Amino acid sequence: MEVYGKVWLSKLPIEWMCWITAMVLLYFSNPHAHHFTLCPLDNAGFDWCPGCGLGRSITLFMHGELSASLEMHWLGIPAFFVILYRIYTLSKGIINR
């Protein structure tokens, strides 16, 4: 039984696992607290980055704070739906195999 589980798990697309993990982590993160960033521009000391606030915007949207989400980054809501659509299409591929 254990070998079967490992084979099944190894057939899952890495991209699918990354998007699912990212969405779960975004949901459980606190968008109102400043935290470590992976943004290379922010880490290099630049004050502005075109993507900064996108993750917090998605988190705010998932928690129902629509206006705060739009204020944080106007592409957060469309990005949320694009990511959900990508998860959906990858899931269809998993099911059809």
PDB file of N, CA and C in Angstrom:
ATOM      1  N   MET A   1       0.823  -1.191   0.000  1.00  0.00           N
ATOM      2  CA  MET A   1       0.000   0.000   0.000  1.00  0.00           C
ATOM      3  C   MET A   1       0.863   1.248   0.000  1.00  0.00           C
ATOM      4  N   GLU A   2       1.958   1.224   0.748  1.00  0.00           N
ATOM      5  CA  GLU A   2       2.823   2.394   0.826  1.00  0.00           C
ATOM      6  C   GLU A   2       3.477   2.701  -0.524  1.00  0.00           C
ATOM      7  N   VAL A   3       3.887   1.665  -1.241  1.00  0.00           N
ATOM      8  CA  VAL A   3       4.510   1.873  -2.541  1.00  0.00           C
ATOM      9  C   VAL A   3       3.518   2.494  -3.507  1.00  0.00           C
ATOM     10  N   TYR A   4       2.272   2.047  -3.473  1.00  0.00           N
ATOM     11  CA  TYR A   4       1.252   2.602  -4.352  1.00  0.00           C
ATOM     12  C   TYR A   4       1.059   4.088  -4.075  1.00  0.00           C
ATOM     13  N   GLY A   5       1.052   4.471  -2.809  1.00  0.00           N
ATOM     14  CA  GLY A   5       0.896   5.877  -2.441  1.00  0.00           C
ATOM     15  C   GLY A   5       2.035   6.724  -2.965  1.00  0.00           C
ATOM     16  N   LYS A   6       3.248   6.221  -2.902  1.00  0.00           N
ATOM     17  CA  LYS A   6       4.399   6.969  -3.399  1.00  0.00           C
ATOM     18  C   LYS A   6       4.338   7.114  -4.915  1.00  0.00           C
ATOM     19  N   VAL A   7       3.902   6.101  -5.615  1.00  0.00           N
ATOM     20  CA  VAL A   7       3.779   6.171  -7.067  1.00  0.00           C
ATOM     21  C   VAL A   7       2.714   7.192  -7.442  1.00  0.00           C
ATOM     22  N   TRP A   8       1.587   7.178  -6.752  1.00  0.00           N
ATOM     23  CA  TRP A   8       0.500   8.120  -7.029  1.00  0.00           C
ATOM     24  C   TRP A   8       0.953   9.542  -6.758  1.00  0.00           C
ATOM     25  N   LEU A   9       1.650   9.758  -5.664  1.00  0.00           N
ATOM     26  CA  LEU A   9       2.120  11.086  -5.308  1.00  0.00           C
ATOM     27  C   LEU A   9       3.154  11.595  -6.306  1.00  0.00           C
ATOM     28  N   SER A  10       3.996  10.716  -6.802  1.00  0.00           N
ATOM     29  CA  SER A  10       5.032  11.137  -7.749  1.00  0.00           C
ATOM     30  C   SER A  10       4.446  11.517  -9.112  1.00  0.00           C
ATOM     31  N   LYS A  11       3.216  11.122  -9.397  1.00  0.00           N
ATOM     32  CA  LYS A  11       2.586  11.459 -10.678  1.00  0.00           C
ATOM     33  C   LYS A  11       1.855  12.796 -10.643  1.00  0.00           C
ATOM     34  N   LEU A  12       1.732  13.411  -9.463  1.00  0.00           N
ATOM     35  CA  LEU A  12       1.086  14.714  -9.379  1.00  0.00           C
ATOM     36  C   LEU A  12       2.001  15.775  -9.967  1.00  0.00           C
ATOM     37  N   PRO A  13       1.465  16.683 -10.756  1.00  0.00           N
ATOM     38  CA  PRO A  13       2.304  17.742 -11.334  1.00  0.00           C
ATOM     39  C   PRO A  13       2.848  18.671 -10.243  1.00  0.00           C
ATOM     40  N   ILE A  14       4.113  18.988 -10.353  1.00  0.00           N
ATOM     41  CA  ILE A  14       4.752  19.874  -9.380  1.00  0.00           C
ATOM     42  C   ILE A  14       4.086  21.250  -9.405  1.00  0.00           C
ATOM     43  N   GLU A  15       3.739  21.732 -10.587  1.00  0.00           N
ATOM     44  CA  GLU A  15       3.091  23.039 -10.685  1.00  0.00           C
ATOM     45  C   GLU A  15       1.778  23.059  -9.908  1.00  0.00           C
ATOM     46  N   TRP A  16       1.007  21.996 -10.016  1.00  0.00           N
ATOM     47  CA  TRP A  16      -0.260  21.892  -9.304  1.00  0.00           C
ATOM     48  C   TRP A  16      -0.034  21.942  -7.800  1.00  0.00           C
ATOM     49  N   MET A  17       0.958  21.189  -7.317  1.00  0.00           N
ATOM     50  CA  MET A  17       1.258  21.181  -5.885  1.00  0.00           C
ATOM     51  C   MET A  17       1.730  22.555  -5.414  1.00  0.00           C
ATOM     52  N   CYS A  18       2.519  23.255  -6.226  1.00  0.00           N
ATOM     53  CA  CYS A  18       3.004  24.588  -5.860  1.00  0.00           C
ATOM     54  C   CYS A  18       1.866  25.592  -5.760  1.00  0.00           C
ATOM     55  N   TRP A  19       0.935  25.580  -6.727  1.00  0.00           N
ATOM     56  CA  TRP A  19      -0.185  26.522  -6.690  1.00  0.00           C
ATOM     57  C   TRP A  19      -1.112  26.249  -5.511  1.00  0.00           C
ATOM     58  N   ILE A  20      -1.390  24.984  -5.237  1.00  0.00           N
ATOM     59  CA  ILE A  20      -2.239  24.633  -4.101  1.00  0.00           C
ATOM     60  C   ILE A  20      -1.569  25.094  -2.803  1.00  0.00           C
ATOM     61  N   THR A  21      -0.283  24.809  -2.665  1.00  0.00           N
ATOM     62  CA  THR A  21       0.458  25.213  -1.464  1.00  0.00           C
ATOM     63  C   THR A  21       0.472  26.730  -1.320  1.00  0.00           C
ATOM     64  N   ALA A  22       0.702  27.435  -2.416  1.00  0.00           N
ATOM     65  CA  ALA A  22       0.737  28.899  -2.374  1.00  0.00           C
ATOM     66  C   ALA A  22      -0.595  29.476  -1.939  1.00  0.00           C
ATOM     67  N   MET A  23      -1.691  28.952  -2.470  1.00  0.00           N
ATOM     68  CA  MET A  23      -3.009  29.477  -2.114  1.00  0.00           C
ATOM     69  C   MET A  23      -3.345  29.195  -0.649  1.00  0.00           C
ATOM     70  N   VAL A  24      -2.972  28.018  -0.155  1.00  0.00           N
ATOM     71  CA  VAL A  24      -3.224  27.695   1.253  1.00  0.00           C
ATOM     72  C   VAL A  24      -2.390  28.600   2.156  1.00  0.00           C
ATOM     73  N   LEU A  25      -1.117  28.788   1.814  1.00  0.00           N
ATOM     74  CA  LEU A  25      -0.263  29.663   2.622  1.00  0.00           C
ATOM     75  C   LEU A  25      -0.744  31.111   2.589  1.00  0.00           C
ATOM     76  N   LEU A  26      -1.189  31.576   1.435  1.00  0.00           N
ATOM     77  CA  LEU A  26      -1.725  32.938   1.352  1.00  0.00           C
ATOM     78  C   LEU A  26      -2.980  33.081   2.200  1.00  0.00           C
ATOM     79  N   TYR A  27      -3.817  32.058   2.192  1.00  0.00           N
ATOM     80  CA  TYR A  27      -5.056  32.138   2.972  1.00  0.00           C
ATOM     81  C   TYR A  27      -4.762  32.264   4.463  1.00  0.00           C
ATOM     82  N   PHE A  28      -3.770  31.538   4.949  1.00  0.00           N
ATOM     83  CA  PHE A  28      -3.476  31.532   6.370  1.00  0.00           C
ATOM     84  C   PHE A  28      -2.473  32.602   6.799  1.00  0.00           C
ATOM     85  N   SER A  29      -1.988  33.408   5.862  1.00  0.00           N
ATOM     86  CA  SER A  29      -1.052  34.473   6.243  1.00  0.00           C
ATOM     87  C   SER A  29      -1.819  35.711   6.703  1.00  0.00           C
ATOM     88  N   ASN A  30      -1.123  36.577   7.400  1.00  0.00           N
ATOM     89  CA  ASN A  30      -1.722  37.813   7.892  1.00  0.00           C
ATOM     90  C   ASN A  30      -1.314  38.948   6.963  1.00  0.00           C
ATOM     91  N   PRO A  31      -2.244  39.478   6.166  1.00  0.00           N
ATOM     92  CA  PRO A  31      -1.887  40.526   5.208  1.00  0.00           C
ATOM     93  C   PRO A  31      -1.611  41.880   5.856  1.00  0.00           C
ATOM     94  N   HIS A  32      -1.974  42.023   7.121  1.00  0.00           N
ATOM     95  CA  HIS A  32      -1.799  43.306   7.804  1.00  0.00           C
ATOM     96  C   HIS A  32      -0.455  43.417   8.510  1.00  0.00           C
ATOM     97  N   ALA A  33       0.314  42.335   8.547  1.00  0.00           N
ATOM     98  CA  ALA A  33       1.616  42.343   9.213  1.00  0.00           C
ATOM     99  C   ALA A  33       2.721  42.365   8.159  1.00  0.00           C
ATOM    100  N   HIS A  34       3.775  43.134   8.427  1.00  0.00           N
ATOM    101  CA  HIS A  34       4.918  43.153   7.514  1.00  0.00           C
ATOM    102  C   HIS A  34       5.739  41.889   7.773  1.00  0.00           C
ATOM    103  N   HIS A  35       6.133  41.248   6.720  1.00  0.00           N
ATOM    104  CA  HIS A  35       6.861  39.999   6.842  1.00  0.00           C
ATOM    105  C   HIS A  35       8.005  39.961   5.830  1.00  0.00           C
ATOM    106  N   PHE A  36       8.788  38.907   5.902  1.00  0.00           N
ATOM    107  CA  PHE A  36       9.887  38.724   4.963  1.00  0.00           C
ATOM    108  C   PHE A  36       9.338  38.612   3.548  1.00  0.00           C
ATOM    109  N   THR A  37      10.065  39.180   2.603  1.00  0.00           N
ATOM    110  CA  THR A  37       9.632  39.133   1.219  1.00  0.00           C
ATOM    111  C   THR A  37      10.661  38.419   0.354  1.00  0.00           C
ATOM    112  N   LEU A  38      10.179  37.760  -0.673  1.00  0.00           N
ATOM    113  CA  LEU A  38      11.056  37.125  -1.654  1.00  0.00           C
ATOM    114  C   LEU A  38      11.318  38.039  -2.842  1.00  0.00           C
ATOM    115  N   CYS A  39      10.748  39.235  -2.824  1.00  0.00           N
ATOM    116  CA  CYS A  39      10.883  40.171  -3.936  1.00  0.00           C
ATOM    117  C   CYS A  39      12.335  40.614  -4.082  1.00  0.00           C
ATOM    118  N   PRO A  40      12.964  40.340  -5.224  1.00  0.00           N
ATOM    119  CA  PRO A  40      14.368  40.733  -5.387  1.00  0.00           C
ATOM    120  C   PRO A  40      14.555  42.247  -5.430  1.00  0.00           C
ATOM    121  N   LEU A  41      13.578  42.982  -5.950  1.00  0.00           N
ATOM    122  CA  LEU A  41      13.704  44.440  -5.983  1.00  0.00           C
ATOM    123  C   LEU A  41      13.626  45.029  -4.579  1.00  0.00           C
ATOM    124  N   ASP A  42      12.709  44.535  -3.768  1.00  0.00           N
ATOM    125  CA  ASP A  42      12.602  45.018  -2.390  1.00  0.00           C
ATOM    126  C   ASP A  42      13.847  44.653  -1.587  1.00  0.00           C
ATOM    127  N   ASN A  43      14.332  43.443  -1.779  1.00  0.00           N
ATOM    128  CA  ASN A  43      15.539  43.016  -1.064  1.00  0.00           C
ATOM    129  C   ASN A  43      16.780  43.774  -1.530  1.00  0.00           C
ATOM    130  N   ALA A  44      16.751  44.317  -2.751  1.00  0.00           N
ATOM    131  CA  ALA A  44      17.873  45.111  -3.260  1.00  0.00           C
ATOM    132  C   ALA A  44      17.783  46.572  -2.821  1.00  0.00           C
ATOM    133  N   GLY A  45      16.690  46.948  -2.152  1.00  0.00           N
ATOM    134  CA  GLY A  45      16.565  48.294  -1.624  1.00  0.00           C
ATOM    135  C   GLY A  45      15.721  49.248  -2.447  1.00  0.00           C
ATOM    136  N   PHE A  46      15.119  48.767  -3.526  1.00  0.00           N
ATOM    137  CA  PHE A  46      14.253  49.622  -4.325  1.00  0.00           C
ATOM    138  C   PHE A  46      12.929  49.840  -3.592  1.00  0.00           C
ATOM    139  N   ASP A  47      12.381  51.036  -3.716  1.00  0.00           N
ATOM    140  CA  ASP A  47      11.136  51.361  -3.025  1.00  0.00           C
ATOM    141  C   ASP A  47       9.903  50.868  -3.765  1.00  0.00           C
ATOM    142  N   TRP A  48       9.984  50.687  -5.070  1.00  0.00           N
ATOM    143  CA  TRP A  48       8.811  50.319  -5.845  1.00  0.00           C
ATOM    144  C   TRP A  48       9.077  49.056  -6.654  1.00  0.00           C
ATOM    145  N   CYS A  49       8.087  48.208  -6.690  1.00  0.00           N
ATOM    146  CA  CYS A  49       8.141  46.982  -7.495  1.00  0.00           C
ATOM    147  C   CYS A  49       6.740  46.773  -8.065  1.00  0.00           C
ATOM    148  N   PRO A  50       6.615  46.402  -9.337  1.00  0.00           N
ATOM    149  CA  PRO A  50       5.287  46.249  -9.924  1.00  0.00           C
ATOM    150  C   PRO A  50       4.462  45.124  -9.310  1.00  0.00           C
ATOM    151  N   GLY A  51       5.107  44.178  -8.658  1.00  0.00           N
ATOM    152  CA  GLY A  51       4.362  43.057  -8.084  1.00  0.00           C
ATOM    153  C   GLY A  51       4.182  43.113  -6.583  1.00  0.00           C
ATOM    154  N   CYS A  52       4.808  44.083  -5.933  1.00  0.00           N
ATOM    155  CA  CYS A  52       4.708  44.158  -4.471  1.00  0.00           C
ATOM    156  C   CYS A  52       3.270  44.421  -4.042  1.00  0.00           C
ATOM    157  N   GLY A  53       2.814  43.641  -3.094  1.00  0.00           N
ATOM    158  CA  GLY A  53       1.449  43.750  -2.605  1.00  0.00           C
ATOM    159  C   GLY A  53       0.495  42.777  -3.265  1.00  0.00           C
ATOM    160  N   LEU A  54       0.943  42.070  -4.287  1.00  0.00           N
ATOM    161  CA  LEU A  54       0.057  41.160  -5.004  1.00  0.00           C
ATOM    162  C   LEU A  54      -0.403  40.011  -4.113  1.00  0.00           C
ATOM    163  N   GLY A  55       0.513  39.412  -3.381  1.00  0.00           N
ATOM    164  CA  GLY A  55       0.150  38.315  -2.479  1.00  0.00           C
ATOM    165  C   GLY A  55      -0.777  38.774  -1.372  1.00  0.00           C
ATOM    166  N   ARG A  56      -0.483  39.931  -0.796  1.00  0.00           N
ATOM    167  CA  ARG A  56      -1.358  40.463   0.254  1.00  0.00           C
ATOM    168  C   ARG A  56      -2.726  40.825  -0.309  1.00  0.00           C
ATOM    169  N   SER A  57      -2.773  41.291  -1.547  1.00  0.00           N
ATOM    170  CA  SER A  57      -4.043  41.596  -2.192  1.00  0.00           C
ATOM    171  C   SER A  57      -4.886  40.335  -2.362  1.00  0.00           C
ATOM    172  N   ILE A  58      -4.266  39.251  -2.764  1.00  0.00           N
ATOM    173  CA  ILE A  58      -4.972  37.975  -2.905  1.00  0.00           C
ATOM    174  C   ILE A  58      -5.475  37.502  -1.547  1.00  0.00           C
ATOM    175  N   THR A  59      -4.635  37.625  -0.517  1.00  0.00           N
ATOM    176  CA  THR A  59      -5.031  37.219   0.828  1.00  0.00           C
ATOM    177  C   THR A  59      -6.219  38.038   1.315  1.00  0.00           C
ATOM    178  N   LEU A  60      -6.162  39.349   1.119  1.00  0.00           N
ATOM    179  CA  LEU A  60      -7.277  40.205   1.525  1.00  0.00           C
ATOM    180  C   LEU A  60      -8.560  39.826   0.790  1.00  0.00           C
ATOM    181  N   PHE A  61      -8.452  39.533  -0.497  1.00  0.00           N
ATOM    182  CA  PHE A  61      -9.626  39.128  -1.278  1.00  0.00           C
ATOM    183  C   PHE A  61     -10.206  37.814  -0.759  1.00  0.00           C
ATOM    184  N   MET A  62      -9.338  36.856  -0.427  1.00  0.00           N
ATOM    185  CA  MET A  62      -9.816  35.570   0.084  1.00  0.00           C
ATOM    186  C   MET A  62     -10.524  35.734   1.432  1.00  0.00           C
ATOM    187  N   HIS A  63     -10.209  36.794   2.157  1.00  0.00           N
ATOM    188  CA  HIS A  63     -10.855  37.048   3.442  1.00  0.00           C
ATOM    189  C   HIS A  63     -12.026  38.013   3.319  1.00  0.00           C
ATOM    190  N   GLY A  64     -12.406  38.348   2.091  1.00  0.00           N
ATOM    191  CA  GLY A  64     -13.585  39.163   1.864  1.00  0.00           C
ATOM    192  C   GLY A  64     -13.375  40.661   1.980  1.00  0.00           C
ATOM    193  N   GLU A  65     -12.139  41.110   2.057  1.00  0.00           N
ATOM    194  CA  GLU A  65     -11.840  42.533   2.167  1.00  0.00           C
ATOM    195  C   GLU A  65     -11.569  43.096   0.768  1.00  0.00           C
ATOM    196  N   LEU A  66     -12.629  43.278   0.011  1.00  0.00           N
ATOM    197  CA  LEU A  66     -12.537  43.659  -1.397  1.00  0.00           C
ATOM    198  C   LEU A  66     -11.868  45.012  -1.598  1.00  0.00           C
ATOM    199  N   SER A  67     -12.302  46.026  -0.880  1.00  0.00           N
ATOM    200  CA  SER A  67     -11.728  47.364  -1.080  1.00  0.00           C
ATOM    201  C   SER A  67     -10.269  47.412  -0.650  1.00  0.00           C
ATOM    202  N   ALA A  68      -9.929  46.732   0.449  1.00  0.00           N
ATOM    203  CA  ALA A  68      -8.530  46.691   0.890  1.00  0.00           C
ATOM    204  C   ALA A  68      -7.675  45.938  -0.127  1.00  0.00           C
ATOM    205  N   SER A  69      -8.242  44.902  -0.733  1.00  0.00           N
ATOM    206  CA  SER A  69      -7.535  44.143  -1.756  1.00  0.00           C
ATOM    207  C   SER A  69      -7.221  45.020  -2.964  1.00  0.00           C
ATOM    208  N   LEU A  70      -8.210  45.796  -3.396  1.00  0.00           N
ATOM    209  CA  LEU A  70      -8.004  46.683  -4.542  1.00  0.00           C
ATOM    210  C   LEU A  70      -6.993  47.783  -4.227  1.00  0.00           C
ATOM    211  N   GLU A  71      -6.994  48.269  -2.994  1.00  0.00           N
ATOM    212  CA  GLU A  71      -6.024  49.298  -2.596  1.00  0.00           C
ATOM    213  C   GLU A  71      -4.602  48.741  -2.542  1.00  0.00           C
ATOM    214  N   MET A  72      -4.469  47.482  -2.123  1.00  0.00           N
ATOM    215  CA  MET A  72      -3.142  46.879  -1.995  1.00  0.00           C
ATOM    216  C   MET A  72      -2.512  46.676  -3.375  1.00  0.00           C
ATOM    217  N   HIS A  73      -3.244  46.082  -4.298  1.00  0.00           N
ATOM    218  CA  HIS A  73      -2.766  45.869  -5.673  1.00  0.00           C
ATOM    219  C   HIS A  73      -3.972  45.557  -6.534  1.00  0.00           C
ATOM    220  N   TRP A  74      -4.171  46.324  -7.579  1.00  0.00           N
ATOM    221  CA  TRP A  74      -5.378  46.172  -8.400  1.00  0.00           C
ATOM    222  C   TRP A  74      -5.401  44.889  -9.211  1.00  0.00           C
ATOM    223  N   LEU A  75      -4.269  44.200  -9.359  1.00  0.00           N
ATOM    224  CA  LEU A  75      -4.250  42.935 -10.102  1.00  0.00           C
ATOM    225  C   LEU A  75      -4.426  41.706  -9.202  1.00  0.00           C
ATOM    226  N   GLY A  76      -4.610  41.912  -7.904  1.00  0.00           N
ATOM    227  CA  GLY A  76      -4.750  40.783  -6.983  1.00  0.00           C
ATOM    228  C   GLY A  76      -5.966  39.923  -7.272  1.00  0.00           C
ATOM    229  N   ILE A  77      -7.092  40.563  -7.526  1.00  0.00           N
ATOM    230  CA  ILE A  77      -8.327  39.815  -7.772  1.00  0.00           C
ATOM    231  C   ILE A  77      -8.261  39.053  -9.100  1.00  0.00           C
ATOM    232  N   PRO A  78      -7.833  39.691 -10.200  1.00  0.00           N
ATOM    233  CA  PRO A  78      -7.684  38.900 -11.431  1.00  0.00           C
ATOM    234  C   PRO A  78      -6.654  37.774 -11.291  1.00  0.00           C
ATOM    235  N   ALA A  79      -5.564  38.034 -10.572  1.00  0.00           N
ATOM    236  CA  ALA A  79      -4.549  36.996 -10.369  1.00  0.00           C
ATOM    237  C   ALA A  79      -5.128  35.816  -9.601  1.00  0.00           C
ATOM    238  N   PHE A  80      -5.976  36.090  -8.621  1.00  0.00           N
ATOM    239  CA  PHE A  80      -6.632  35.030  -7.854  1.00  0.00           C
ATOM    240  C   PHE A  80      -7.411  34.103  -8.785  1.00  0.00           C
ATOM    241  N   PHE A  81      -8.195  34.682  -9.684  1.00  0.00           N
ATOM    242  CA  PHE A  81      -9.004  33.863 -10.579  1.00  0.00           C
ATOM    243  C   PHE A  81      -8.163  33.156 -11.646  1.00  0.00           C
ATOM    244  N   VAL A  82      -7.085  33.775 -12.082  1.00  0.00           N
ATOM    245  CA  VAL A  82      -6.176  33.108 -13.033  1.00  0.00           C
ATOM    246  C   VAL A  82      -5.532  31.894 -12.373  1.00  0.00           C
ATOM    247  N   ILE A  83      -5.097  32.044 -11.129  1.00  0.00           N
ATOM    248  CA  ILE A  83      -4.485  30.920 -10.406  1.00  0.00           C
ATOM    249  C   ILE A  83      -5.507  29.813 -10.174  1.00  0.00           C
ATOM    250  N   LEU A  84      -6.730  30.179  -9.789  1.00  0.00           N
ATOM    251  CA  LEU A  84      -7.771  29.159  -9.607  1.00  0.00           C
ATOM    252  C   LEU A  84      -8.062  28.421 -10.906  1.00  0.00           C
ATOM    253  N   TYR A  85      -8.092  29.150 -12.015  1.00  0.00           N
ATOM    254  CA  TYR A  85      -8.325  28.502 -13.308  1.00  0.00           C
ATOM    255  C   TYR A  85      -7.176  27.550 -13.652  1.00  0.00           C
ATOM    256  N   ARG A  86      -5.958  27.957 -13.346  1.00  0.00           N
ATOM    257  CA  ARG A  86      -4.805  27.086 -13.617  1.00  0.00           C
ATOM    258  C   ARG A  86      -4.871  25.825 -12.765  1.00  0.00           C
ATOM    259  N   ILE A  87      -5.245  25.969 -11.504  1.00  0.00           N
ATOM    260  CA  ILE A  87      -5.406  24.797 -10.641  1.00  0.00           C
ATOM    261  C   ILE A  87      -6.494  23.881 -11.206  1.00  0.00           C
ATOM    262  N   TYR A  88      -7.575  24.472 -11.675  1.00  0.00           N
ATOM    263  CA  TYR A  88      -8.679  23.699 -12.260  1.00  0.00           C
ATOM    264  C   TYR A  88      -8.221  22.917 -13.496  1.00  0.00           C
ATOM    265  N   THR A  89      -7.492  23.580 -14.407  1.00  0.00           N
ATOM    266  CA  THR A  89      -7.061  22.879 -15.623  1.00  0.00           C
ATOM    267  C   THR A  89      -6.046  21.784 -15.304  1.00  0.00           C
ATOM    268  N   LEU A  90      -5.166  22.030 -14.355  1.00  0.00           N
ATOM    269  CA  LEU A  90      -4.219  20.988 -13.958  1.00  0.00           C
ATOM    270  C   LEU A  90      -4.941  19.828 -13.281  1.00  0.00           C
ATOM    271  N   SER A  91      -5.970  20.130 -12.503  1.00  0.00           N
ATOM    272  CA  SER A  91      -6.752  19.083 -11.837  1.00  0.00           C
ATOM    273  C   SER A  91      -7.487  18.221 -12.855  1.00  0.00           C
ATOM    274  N   LYS A  92      -8.021  18.844 -13.904  1.00  0.00           N
ATOM    275  CA  LYS A  92      -8.679  18.067 -14.966  1.00  0.00           C
ATOM    276  C   LYS A  92      -7.694  17.096 -15.602  1.00  0.00           C
ATOM    277  N   GLY A  93      -6.459  17.531 -15.814  1.00  0.00           N
ATOM    278  CA  GLY A  93      -5.438  16.649 -16.379  1.00  0.00           C
ATOM    279  C   GLY A  93      -5.116  15.483 -15.471  1.00  0.00           C
ATOM    280  N   ILE A  94      -5.119  15.727 -14.165  1.00  0.00           N
ATOM    281  CA  ILE A  94      -4.856  14.656 -13.201  1.00  0.00           C
ATOM    282  C   ILE A  94      -5.994  13.640 -13.234  1.00  0.00           C
ATOM    283  N   ILE A  95      -7.223  14.128 -13.261  1.00  0.00           N
ATOM    284  CA  ILE A  95      -8.387  13.247 -13.234  1.00  0.00           C
ATOM    285  C   ILE A  95      -8.493  12.424 -14.521  1.00  0.00           C
ATOM    286  N   ASN A  96      -8.147  13.021 -15.656  1.00  0.00           N
ATOM    287  CA  ASN A  96      -8.271  12.342 -16.941  1.00  0.00           C
ATOM    288  C   ASN A  96      -7.184  11.308 -17.183  1.00  0.00           C
ATOM    289  N   ARG A  97      -6.135  11.309 -16.366  1.00  0.00           N
ATOM    290  CA  ARG A  97      -5.082  10.304 -16.557  1.00  0.00           C
ATOM    291  C   ARG A  97      -5.488   8.971 -16.119  1.00  0.00           C
TER     292      ARG A  97
END
